[in-house]
Protein backbone atom coordinates (compact mmCIF):
# COMPACT_ATOMS: atom_id res chain seq x y z
CA MET A 1 150.12 234.14 109.27
CA THR A 2 146.66 233.88 110.80
CA ASP A 3 145.53 231.03 112.68
CA HIS A 4 143.56 229.65 110.03
CA ALA A 5 146.26 229.85 107.59
CA ALA A 6 148.45 228.26 109.84
CA LEU A 7 145.98 225.45 110.45
CA GLN A 8 145.63 224.86 106.94
CA THR A 9 149.63 224.78 106.52
CA PHE A 10 149.54 222.22 109.43
CA LEU A 11 146.95 220.00 107.82
CA LYS A 12 148.59 219.73 104.78
CA SER A 13 151.66 218.39 106.61
CA ILE A 14 149.74 215.60 108.05
CA PRO A 15 150.28 212.42 105.65
CA LEU A 16 146.45 211.65 106.01
CA PHE A 17 145.60 214.74 103.99
CA GLU A 18 148.50 215.00 101.73
CA LEU A 19 146.06 213.70 98.72
CA VAL A 20 144.17 216.83 99.15
CA GLN A 21 144.94 219.89 97.08
CA PRO A 22 145.08 223.11 98.67
CA GLU A 23 142.02 224.71 97.46
CA GLN A 24 139.91 221.65 99.10
CA LEU A 25 141.43 221.79 102.58
CA MET A 26 138.64 224.12 103.50
CA ASP A 27 136.15 221.45 103.38
CA ILE A 28 138.27 219.54 105.80
CA LEU A 29 138.74 222.68 108.25
CA ARG A 30 135.12 222.69 108.40
CA LEU A 31 135.34 219.66 110.12
CA LEU A 32 137.89 220.13 112.71
CA ARG A 33 136.61 220.47 116.55
CA PRO A 34 139.33 221.76 118.72
CA VAL A 35 139.83 219.55 122.02
CA THR A 36 142.02 219.47 124.83
CA PHE A 37 143.30 216.33 126.02
CA GLU A 38 144.20 215.56 129.67
CA PRO A 39 146.74 212.86 131.18
CA GLY A 40 144.82 209.74 131.75
CA GLN A 41 142.10 210.39 129.32
CA VAL A 42 140.44 207.46 127.46
CA LEU A 43 139.68 208.48 124.14
CA PHE A 44 138.22 204.80 123.18
CA HIS A 45 138.14 201.67 124.30
CA GLU A 46 138.95 198.26 122.64
CA GLY A 47 135.59 196.82 121.01
CA GLU A 48 133.55 199.77 120.81
CA PRO A 49 132.11 201.60 118.00
CA GLY A 50 134.28 204.24 116.22
CA GLN A 51 132.76 207.67 116.28
CA ALA A 52 135.56 210.08 115.63
CA MET A 53 139.02 210.37 114.53
CA TRP A 54 141.83 212.85 116.01
CA VAL A 55 144.83 215.00 114.93
CA LEU A 56 147.28 215.34 117.67
CA GLY A 57 148.78 218.70 118.59
CA PRO A 58 151.87 219.79 120.14
CA GLU A 59 153.33 217.92 122.99
CA VAL A 60 150.48 215.46 123.18
CA GLU A 61 151.19 211.56 123.53
CA VAL A 62 148.54 208.71 123.24
CA ALA A 63 149.28 205.19 124.08
CA LEU A 64 147.44 202.53 122.11
CA SER A 65 146.98 199.29 123.91
CA THR A 66 145.36 196.06 123.35
CA THR A 67 144.33 193.21 126.04
CA PRO A 68 145.50 189.64 124.63
CA ASN A 69 142.90 187.02 125.44
CA THR A 70 145.20 184.33 126.81
CA PRO A 71 145.47 183.03 130.14
CA LYS A 72 149.33 184.10 130.21
CA ALA A 73 148.49 187.59 129.64
CA GLY A 74 146.14 187.61 132.61
CA GLY A 75 143.94 190.01 131.13
CA ARG A 76 146.18 192.86 131.21
CA PRO A 77 146.43 195.46 128.42
CA VAL A 78 149.60 195.46 126.37
CA VAL A 79 150.64 198.98 124.86
CA VAL A 80 151.36 198.08 120.95
CA ALA A 81 151.92 201.77 119.58
CA TYR A 82 152.20 205.32 120.61
CA ALA A 83 150.97 208.52 118.89
CA ARG A 84 152.50 211.72 119.12
CA HIS A 85 152.42 215.45 117.62
CA GLY A 86 151.17 215.47 113.95
CA GLU A 87 149.84 211.96 113.73
CA THR A 88 146.32 210.72 113.53
CA ILE A 89 144.41 208.28 115.61
CA GLY A 90 140.98 206.41 115.07
CA GLU A 91 141.01 207.40 111.61
CA MET A 92 139.36 203.94 110.71
CA ALA A 93 136.21 205.54 112.03
CA LEU A 94 135.97 207.55 108.91
CA VAL A 95 135.36 204.46 107.16
CA ASP A 96 133.17 202.65 109.11
CA ALA A 97 131.71 202.17 112.73
CA GLY A 98 133.15 198.94 113.55
CA PRO A 99 135.09 197.94 116.64
CA ARG A 100 137.95 199.75 117.77
CA SER A 101 141.02 197.18 117.62
CA ALA A 102 142.73 199.37 120.68
CA THR A 103 142.19 201.10 123.66
CA ALA A 104 143.70 204.77 123.35
CA THR A 105 144.51 206.59 126.41
CA VAL A 106 146.02 209.90 127.02
CA ILE A 107 149.94 210.00 128.21
CA MET A 108 150.69 213.49 127.88
CA GLY A 109 148.10 216.15 127.25
CA GLY A 110 147.49 219.00 124.96
CA PRO A 111 145.80 220.24 122.16
CA ALA A 112 144.38 218.29 119.41
CA HIS A 113 141.36 218.48 116.53
CA GLN A 114 138.70 215.96 116.46
CA ILE A 115 136.71 214.98 113.11
CA ASN A 116 133.32 213.11 113.80
CA ALA A 117 132.26 210.31 111.58
CA VAL A 118 129.04 211.36 111.10
CA ASP A 119 130.44 214.97 109.76
CA PHE A 120 132.69 213.42 107.57
CA ALA A 121 129.80 211.15 106.17
CA VAL A 122 128.29 214.03 105.12
CA LEU A 123 131.01 215.00 102.64
CA ARG A 124 131.27 211.45 101.45
CA GLU A 125 127.61 210.99 100.62
CA GLY A 126 127.91 214.16 98.58
CA PHE A 127 131.02 212.59 96.57
CA ASN A 128 133.18 215.66 97.92
CA PRO A 129 136.67 215.36 96.39
CA SER A 130 138.47 216.21 99.31
CA ALA A 131 136.50 213.31 101.31
CA TYR A 132 137.15 210.58 98.72
CA LYS A 133 141.06 211.64 98.70
CA VAL A 134 141.22 211.10 102.67
CA LEU A 135 139.55 207.50 102.13
CA ARG A 136 142.36 206.80 99.32
CA LYS A 137 145.01 208.02 101.70
CA ILE A 138 143.53 205.61 104.35
CA CYS A 139 143.42 202.41 101.77
CA MET A 140 146.86 203.57 101.03
CA ASP A 141 147.78 203.30 104.56
CA LEU A 142 145.49 199.93 105.18
CA CYS A 143 147.13 198.10 102.05
CA ALA A 144 150.49 198.57 103.77
CA LYS A 145 149.33 197.28 106.94
CA LEU A 146 147.36 194.26 105.68
CA ARG A 147 150.56 193.29 103.42
CA ALA A 148 152.67 193.45 106.56
CA THR A 149 150.35 191.69 108.86
CA ASP A 150 149.55 188.89 106.08
CA ASN A 151 153.47 188.48 105.40
CA ARG A 152 153.42 187.79 109.32
CA ILE A 153 150.63 185.28 109.23
CA VAL A 154 151.82 183.74 105.96
CA PRO A 155 155.64 184.61 104.99
CA PRO A 156 155.66 185.48 101.04
CA SER A 157 157.91 182.84 98.92
CA GLY A 158 160.18 186.01 98.06
CA ASP A 159 159.86 184.95 94.39
CA VAL A 160 158.76 186.88 91.50
CA ILE A 161 156.81 184.87 88.78
CA ALA A 162 156.92 186.37 85.43
CA ALA A 163 153.53 186.07 83.37
CA ASP A 164 153.32 187.69 79.87
CA PRO A 165 150.91 190.56 79.44
CA LEU A 166 147.62 189.23 77.80
CA GLU A 167 146.05 191.18 75.05
CA ALA A 168 143.67 193.91 75.90
CA LYS A 169 141.32 195.52 73.65
CA PRO A 170 139.02 198.49 73.99
CA LEU A 171 135.19 197.86 74.53
CA GLN A 172 133.16 197.78 71.42
CA SER A 173 130.52 199.69 73.28
CA PRO A 174 129.03 200.87 76.72
CA ALA A 175 126.43 198.17 76.44
CA MET A 176 129.32 195.37 77.31
CA LEU A 177 129.31 196.60 80.75
CA ASP A 178 126.14 194.89 81.23
CA GLU A 179 127.66 191.57 80.95
CA PHE A 180 129.16 192.20 84.04
CA PRO A 181 126.05 192.09 86.50
CA PRO A 182 127.30 194.48 89.13
CA PHE A 183 127.51 197.14 86.65
CA ARG A 184 124.24 197.15 85.27
CA ALA A 185 122.79 199.36 87.57
CA LEU A 186 125.38 202.14 87.14
CA PRO A 187 123.96 205.53 85.70
CA GLN A 188 124.67 205.77 82.19
CA VAL A 189 126.87 208.72 82.42
CA VAL A 190 129.32 206.75 84.58
CA LYS A 191 129.07 203.73 82.36
CA LEU A 192 130.01 205.98 79.32
CA ALA A 193 133.17 207.15 81.21
CA LEU A 194 133.91 203.80 82.75
CA ALA A 195 133.80 202.02 79.19
CA GLN A 196 136.49 204.33 77.63
CA LYS A 197 138.70 203.25 80.30
CA LEU A 198 138.16 199.35 80.55
CA LYS A 199 139.42 197.00 78.15
CA LEU A 200 138.69 193.27 77.28
CA VAL A 201 140.89 190.39 77.67
CA GLU A 202 139.80 187.08 76.57
CA THR A 203 141.72 183.77 77.12
CA ASP A 204 141.09 180.38 75.10
CA GLY A 205 142.55 178.36 78.08
CA VAL A 206 144.71 178.14 81.21
CA ALA A 207 146.53 181.59 80.96
CA ALA A 208 148.56 183.69 83.53
CA VAL A 209 146.65 186.90 84.48
CA PHE A 210 149.60 188.03 86.72
CA GLY A 211 152.26 186.61 88.71
CA GLU A 212 153.15 186.46 92.23
CA GLY A 213 155.90 189.24 93.29
CA ALA A 214 155.12 191.43 90.25
CA LYS A 215 154.29 194.64 90.31
CA GLY A 216 150.51 195.50 90.31
CA ASP A 217 149.11 197.75 87.60
CA ALA A 218 145.57 196.75 86.97
CA ALA A 219 142.50 195.44 88.83
CA TYR A 220 140.09 192.94 86.53
CA PHE A 221 136.25 192.32 86.50
CA LEU A 222 135.47 188.38 85.86
CA VAL A 223 132.83 188.31 83.25
CA GLU A 224 133.00 184.90 82.29
CA GLY A 225 135.21 181.71 83.35
CA GLU A 226 137.15 181.10 86.66
CA VAL A 227 140.73 182.09 87.96
CA THR A 228 142.84 180.32 90.47
CA VAL A 229 144.38 182.30 93.15
CA GLY A 230 147.90 180.61 94.15
CA ARG A 231 150.87 181.58 96.55
CA SER A 232 154.32 180.02 97.08
CA GLY A 233 153.24 177.21 95.09
CA LYS A 234 149.81 176.49 96.70
CA THR A 235 146.14 177.02 95.51
CA LEU A 236 144.75 179.38 97.71
CA ALA A 237 141.22 180.17 96.11
CA SER A 238 139.08 179.78 93.10
CA ILE A 239 137.57 182.92 91.85
CA GLY A 240 134.13 182.85 89.86
CA LYS A 241 132.11 185.19 87.58
CA GLY A 242 131.12 188.39 89.15
CA ALA A 243 134.21 188.98 91.10
CA MET A 244 136.67 191.66 90.93
CA PHE A 245 140.34 191.03 92.08
CA GLY A 246 143.51 193.11 92.14
CA MET A 247 142.15 196.40 93.23
CA VAL A 248 144.73 197.08 95.86
CA ALA A 249 147.20 197.21 93.72
CA VAL A 250 145.30 199.86 91.57
CA ILE A 251 145.04 201.94 94.88
CA ASP A 252 148.54 201.68 96.54
CA ASN A 253 150.56 200.44 93.28
CA GLY A 254 152.34 197.74 95.54
CA GLY A 255 153.34 194.07 94.44
CA ARG A 256 151.13 191.11 93.83
CA SER A 257 150.65 188.75 96.78
CA ALA A 258 149.52 186.09 94.83
CA SER A 259 149.28 184.63 91.32
CA CYS A 260 146.47 184.33 89.21
CA VAL A 261 145.44 182.21 86.42
CA THR A 262 142.46 181.36 84.30
CA ALA A 263 141.46 178.00 84.49
CA GLY A 264 139.90 177.76 81.15
CA PRO A 265 138.40 179.98 78.71
CA ALA A 266 137.51 183.31 80.13
CA ARG A 267 136.48 186.87 79.46
CA LEU A 268 137.86 189.71 81.84
CA PHE A 269 137.44 193.52 81.86
CA LYS A 270 140.95 195.44 82.82
CA LEU A 271 140.97 198.51 84.62
CA GLU A 272 144.63 200.19 84.34
CA GLN A 273 146.02 202.13 87.31
CA GLU A 274 146.62 205.08 84.88
CA GLU A 275 143.11 204.97 83.79
CA PHE A 276 141.75 204.43 87.19
CA ASP A 277 143.64 207.52 88.65
CA LEU A 278 142.16 209.51 85.72
CA LEU A 279 138.61 208.65 86.50
CA PHE A 280 139.47 209.63 90.12
CA GLN A 281 141.06 212.88 89.38
CA THR A 282 138.18 213.74 87.46
CA GLY A 283 135.49 213.17 90.15
CA ASN A 284 133.77 210.11 88.24
CA ARG A 285 131.52 208.14 90.99
CA PHE A 286 132.39 204.61 89.88
CA ALA A 287 136.11 205.52 91.14
CA TYR A 288 134.97 207.12 94.05
CA THR A 289 132.62 203.96 94.80
CA MET A 290 135.74 201.69 94.25
CA VAL A 291 137.77 203.29 97.05
CA ASP A 292 134.64 203.58 99.39
CA LEU A 293 134.15 199.87 98.66
CA VAL A 294 138.03 198.87 99.19
CA ALA A 295 138.27 200.89 102.26
CA ARG A 296 135.38 199.39 103.70
CA GLN A 297 136.93 195.88 103.04
CA LEU A 298 140.32 196.52 104.02
CA VAL A 299 139.05 197.48 107.44
CA GLU A 300 137.33 194.46 107.60
CA HIS A 301 140.58 192.27 106.50
CA ILE A 302 142.72 194.14 108.68
CA ARG A 303 140.50 193.38 112.06
CA GLY A 304 140.35 189.68 110.84
CA ALA A 305 144.28 189.58 110.22
CA ASN A 306 144.99 191.22 113.39
CA ALA A 307 142.74 188.68 115.28
CA MET A 308 145.10 186.05 113.83
CA LEU A 309 148.19 187.39 115.17
CA PRO A 310 149.41 186.50 118.62
CA PRO A 311 150.16 189.17 121.55
CA PRO A 312 153.62 190.84 121.46
CA GLY A 313 156.46 188.21 122.17
CA GLN A 314 154.20 185.12 122.62
CA GLY A 315 155.67 182.97 119.43
CA PRO A 316 154.79 182.71 115.81
CA ALA A 317 151.48 184.00 114.19
CA ARG A 318 148.72 181.23 113.67
CA PRO A 319 148.23 180.08 110.48
CA ILE A 320 145.53 181.32 107.93
CA ARG A 321 143.23 178.58 107.20
CA ARG A 322 141.58 178.98 103.82
CA PRO A 323 138.88 177.04 102.45
CA PRO A 324 139.21 175.54 99.07
CA ASP A 325 136.31 177.75 97.51
CA PRO A 326 135.58 180.56 100.10
CA LYS A 327 132.62 182.31 100.19
CA PRO A 328 133.69 185.93 101.08
CA LYS A 329 131.07 188.49 102.68
CA GLN A 330 129.75 190.36 99.71
CA PRO A 331 129.95 194.15 99.69
CA GLN A 332 128.06 196.28 97.53
CA ILE A 333 128.70 198.62 94.79
CA MET A 334 126.66 201.36 95.78
CA ASP A 335 125.76 205.17 95.57
CA PRO A 336 126.23 206.57 99.05
CA VAL A 337 123.87 209.40 98.06
CA GLY A 338 121.12 206.90 96.59
CA ALA A 339 121.70 204.86 99.53
CA ALA A 340 120.83 207.90 101.97
CA ALA A 341 117.84 208.54 100.16
CA GLY A 342 116.72 204.88 100.53
CA GLU A 343 117.10 204.10 96.84
CA GLU A 344 117.69 200.67 95.65
CA GLU A 345 121.48 199.54 96.16
CA LEU A 346 123.24 198.04 93.06
CA GLU A 347 124.22 194.55 92.73
CA VAL A 348 126.75 192.96 95.02
CA LEU A 349 130.38 192.62 94.11
CA PRO A 350 132.58 189.77 95.55
CA LEU A 351 135.79 191.21 96.41
CA TYR A 352 139.37 189.72 96.41
CA LEU A 353 141.69 192.16 98.15
CA GLU A 354 144.97 190.56 99.09
CA LEU A 355 146.35 190.68 95.18
């Protein structure tokens, strides 16, 4: 086996690249930069912008540490995890250039491969399938981390709340997409494909969209009305029209962490997981943009949730303080290629992830 073929086989064995098809791995291989780590080398510091990720080679070991901001900690770093051969570190840098959540220090040196964020961005901006399969895998991993972190902050009730499925009808025409403002600027070809996958859900009054603990199977786009979010019998938030919720379940097929109920008459577009997967597999730009959007927001949520957790061994997590009517930072549905060219971005889309 040639070195090139061996590297390709090695990459395929790494979970981060498991969604990338063998014929698409060449696009990832072109990004790899061989490096050699030395013991004591610091790959990045906590708080600095992310610029690269690494795939660790044989015998390499890297410690990830954070410095708790408490008098008891005394400014001393605490090791929170180790990464070894075949594992990846720093992959959140492929999503955005946000601050590192830990410091990475080489314990045992050896070979590794580096992927620079700017190089990955070229694939991303070109809607390259391999880039978005890597992003989707990052999303799946971040979804699991977010669920685990949220459960440490606010333990779930453990109950499964049943909700009868609401009737969903096919859209009568692609023009109906314009009822949801963030969709209006989508290219017509994208609208045509999306209109075939979305379904219309209408309620005359209070109705459960889905229940806490239920298996996630769809995302929703609120066209008209209001949706109340509750967990463990408590109201957490109220979602207004123009928002999307439930996309995490579409990405990772996990359980619902809260219940969603319409507060009165409402109109929603429903995107089932199977339909999203078909869009994604065929390279639909809407599906790719959703993965990009969710990845960015998951990273922000993870950073926020991690900030609420106490240092290791220092008691229970601090409680989440949720305002009754939150005003989340509004991400954007945007065409990365258009944005790179300086074209106008699409309308903002309030996004609720923890569902």
